[in-house]
Amino acid sequence: MSTHMTEDDWAIALDVFEAHLPRRGAKGRDTRLFLEAVHYFCVHTITWRALPTEFGKWNSIWKRFDRLSKAGVFEAYFDSLASLSSSAHLVQMFDSSVVQAH
């Protein structure tokens, strides 16, 4: 897909993500495809319904995303990924909605 991640990067990301999944409930079929769908959704700023069919049913992807978000999986996932990085503490994010250009 469009993430430009190496297979080694994907192996790490998938291991960390799957380690934070809830123990109960249905497991997703293809974690990598799901994460690529979420990436596509975010990068292209589209609605869930506009996801290409190659990712699967948009409603299934949204339901999985919503369920995992409410369970705190993504926060734990990103915290764990940041802890693996030697430079994560140097990165800062700015929300453009509060920055005014003159």
Protein backbone atom coordinates (compact mmCIF):
# COMPACT_ATOMS: atom_id res chain seq x y z
CA MET A 1 0.00 0.00 0.00
CA SER A 2 1.07 3.58 0.48
CA THR A 3 2.80 3.42 3.86
CA HIS A 4 6.30 2.84 2.44
CA MET A 5 7.16 0.73 5.48
CA THR A 6 9.65 -2.09 5.19
CA GLU A 7 8.67 -5.64 6.07
CA ASP A 8 10.81 -5.38 9.23
CA ASP A 9 8.94 -2.21 10.24
CA TRP A 10 5.64 -3.97 9.64
CA ALA A 11 6.71 -6.95 11.74
CA ILE A 12 7.47 -4.68 14.69
CA ALA A 13 4.31 -2.60 14.27
CA LEU A 14 2.09 -5.68 14.01
CA ASP A 15 3.69 -7.38 17.01
CA VAL A 16 3.24 -4.28 19.15
CA PHE A 17 -0.35 -3.71 17.94
CA GLU A 18 -1.39 -7.33 18.49
CA ALA A 19 0.13 -7.28 21.98
CA HIS A 20 -2.32 -4.52 22.93
CA LEU A 21 -5.46 -6.12 21.52
CA PRO A 22 -8.14 -7.06 24.05
CA ARG A 23 -8.06 -10.71 25.12
CA ARG A 24 -11.82 -11.04 24.78
CA GLY A 25 -13.99 -10.62 21.73
CA ALA A 26 -13.60 -11.41 18.08
CA LYS A 27 -10.19 -11.03 16.54
CA GLY A 28 -9.78 -9.22 13.25
CA ARG A 29 -8.83 -11.23 10.20
CA ASP A 30 -6.00 -9.20 8.69
CA THR A 31 -4.39 -6.74 11.09
CA ARG A 32 -2.01 -5.31 8.49
CA LEU A 33 -4.81 -4.61 6.01
CA PHE A 34 -6.82 -3.00 8.81
CA LEU A 35 -3.94 -0.71 9.81
CA GLU A 36 -3.35 0.18 6.16
CA ALA A 37 -7.05 1.08 5.84
CA VAL A 38 -6.84 3.34 8.90
CA HIS A 39 -3.68 4.93 7.47
CA TYR A 40 -5.41 5.51 4.11
CA PHE A 41 -8.43 6.99 5.90
CA CYS A 42 -6.24 9.44 7.83
CA VAL A 43 -3.88 10.43 5.02
CA HIS A 44 -6.60 11.04 2.44
CA THR A 45 -9.04 12.67 4.90
CA ILE A 46 -12.02 10.80 3.51
CA THR A 47 -15.16 9.38 5.04
CA TRP A 48 -15.23 5.73 6.07
CA ARG A 49 -17.68 5.03 3.24
CA ALA A 50 -15.11 6.29 0.72
CA LEU A 51 -12.50 3.66 1.62
CA PRO A 52 -11.50 1.64 -1.45
CA THR A 53 -13.08 -1.81 -1.54
CA GLU A 54 -9.62 -3.44 -1.54
CA PHE A 55 -9.59 -2.86 2.23
CA GLY A 56 -12.86 -4.71 2.76
CA LYS A 57 -16.25 -3.50 3.91
CA TRP A 58 -15.97 0.06 5.19
CA ASN A 59 -18.50 -0.59 7.95
CA SER A 60 -16.50 -3.55 9.31
CA ILE A 61 -13.34 -1.44 9.36
CA TRP A 62 -15.13 1.41 11.12
CA LYS A 63 -16.68 -0.93 13.72
CA ARG A 64 -13.28 -2.47 14.47
CA PHE A 65 -11.65 0.96 14.68
CA ASP A 66 -14.40 2.26 16.98
CA ARG A 67 -14.25 -0.79 19.26
CA LEU A 68 -10.45 -0.68 19.55
CA SER A 69 -10.45 3.10 20.08
CA LYS A 70 -12.90 2.84 22.96
CA ALA A 71 -10.79 0.05 24.49
CA GLY A 72 -7.70 2.31 24.45
CA VAL A 73 -5.75 0.04 22.11
CA PHE A 74 -4.43 2.83 19.88
CA GLU A 75 -3.16 4.94 22.78
CA ALA A 76 -1.29 1.97 24.25
CA TYR A 77 -0.01 1.04 20.77
CA PHE A 78 1.40 4.50 20.07
CA ASP A 79 2.91 4.76 23.55
CA SER A 80 4.66 1.43 23.04
CA LEU A 81 5.94 2.42 19.60
CA ALA A 82 7.24 5.69 21.01
CA SER A 83 9.07 3.83 23.77
CA LEU A 84 10.93 1.83 21.11
CA SER A 85 12.26 5.02 19.52
CA SER A 86 15.40 6.76 20.66
CA SER A 87 14.21 10.12 19.31
CA ALA A 88 10.46 10.09 20.07
CA HIS A 89 10.93 12.56 22.93
CA LEU A 90 12.20 15.13 20.40
CA VAL A 91 9.08 15.08 18.24
CA GLN A 92 6.31 17.57 18.88
CA MET A 93 2.98 17.85 17.12
CA PHE A 94 1.10 21.06 16.35
CA ASP A 95 -2.58 21.19 15.55
CA SER A 96 -3.04 23.61 12.68
CA SER A 97 -6.44 24.66 13.98
CA VAL A 98 -4.76 26.67 16.76
CA VAL A 99 -1.86 28.08 14.74
CA GLN A 100 -2.63 31.31 12.93
CA ALA A 101 -0.63 32.43 9.93
CA HIS A 102 -0.17 36.13 9.36
